[in-house]
Amino acid sequence: MLRVAKVGDLYKATVTELPWSESEYWVSGTMQRSELIRALSDRGWHSTDISDAFYAADPEWLARGD
């Protein structure tokens, strides 16, 4: 499961199940939106899952700039 949290003007992700391995766990540091999207994409997350997690954390995330 992917969860994104808004921390001030930054975002933080918590991953409890990675798409390719249920045994891994990952927590990001706080990052700008584009950095976190890149980090999640590099770990195999689909863009739909990423955008859904951002929307759940911050419905206005697309309107905000980095």
Protein backbone atom coordinates (compact mmCIF):
# COMPACT_ATOMS: atom_id res chain seq x y z
CA MET A 1 0.00 0.00 0.00
CA LEU A 2 1.19 3.49 -0.86
CA ARG A 3 0.36 6.47 1.32
CA VAL A 4 1.45 10.04 0.78
CA ALA A 5 1.27 12.72 3.49
CA LYS A 6 1.57 16.47 3.07
CA VAL A 7 4.15 17.94 5.43
CA GLY A 8 4.12 21.71 5.12
CA ASP A 9 4.95 22.38 1.48
CA LEU A 10 6.56 18.95 1.03
CA TYR A 11 5.36 15.36 0.81
CA LYS A 12 6.35 12.09 2.45
CA ALA A 13 5.52 8.56 1.30
CA THR A 14 5.07 5.39 3.28
CA VAL A 15 5.04 2.12 1.37
CA THR A 16 3.97 -1.03 3.14
CA GLU A 17 3.65 -3.26 0.07
CA LEU A 18 5.72 -2.69 -3.02
CA PRO A 19 4.20 -3.83 -6.32
CA TRP A 20 6.92 -6.40 -6.90
CA SER A 21 7.62 -7.58 -3.32
CA GLU A 22 5.32 -7.83 -0.32
CA SER A 23 8.28 -8.14 2.04
CA GLU A 24 9.69 -4.63 1.53
CA TYR A 25 8.89 -1.47 3.43
CA TRP A 26 9.99 2.04 2.50
CA VAL A 27 9.51 5.48 3.99
CA SER A 28 10.76 8.52 2.15
CA GLY A 29 12.08 11.66 3.68
CA THR A 30 10.09 14.79 2.97
CA MET A 31 10.49 15.79 -0.66
CA GLN A 32 9.13 18.16 -3.22
CA ARG A 33 6.33 16.70 -5.30
CA SER A 34 8.42 16.02 -8.42
CA GLU A 35 11.19 14.36 -6.41
CA LEU A 36 8.76 12.04 -4.66
CA ILE A 37 6.99 11.15 -7.90
CA ARG A 38 10.36 10.26 -9.44
CA ALA A 39 11.36 8.17 -6.38
CA LEU A 40 8.07 6.25 -6.44
CA SER A 41 8.26 5.71 -10.20
CA ASP A 42 11.83 4.41 -9.81
CA ARG A 43 10.48 1.89 -7.29
CA GLY A 44 7.91 0.58 -9.75
CA TRP A 45 4.74 2.41 -8.77
CA HIS A 46 2.29 3.15 -11.56
CA SER A 47 1.43 6.80 -12.22
CA THR A 48 -2.25 6.16 -11.39
CA ASP A 49 -1.37 4.77 -7.95
CA ILE A 50 0.95 7.72 -7.32
CA SER A 51 -1.61 10.33 -8.32
CA ASP A 52 -4.34 8.61 -6.28
CA ALA A 53 -2.08 8.70 -3.19
CA PHE A 54 -1.24 12.36 -3.73
CA TYR A 55 -4.91 13.22 -4.20
CA ALA A 56 -5.85 11.42 -0.96
CA ALA A 57 -3.22 13.44 0.92
CA ASP A 58 -3.87 16.77 -0.80
CA PRO A 59 -6.81 17.20 -3.19
CA GLU A 60 -5.23 20.39 -4.55
CA TRP A 61 -1.84 18.76 -5.25
CA LEU A 62 -2.00 19.27 -9.02
CA ALA A 63 -2.68 22.98 -8.65
CA ARG A 64 0.38 23.45 -6.45
CA GLY A 65 3.79 23.99 -8.00
CA ASP A 66 7.06 22.61 -6.69
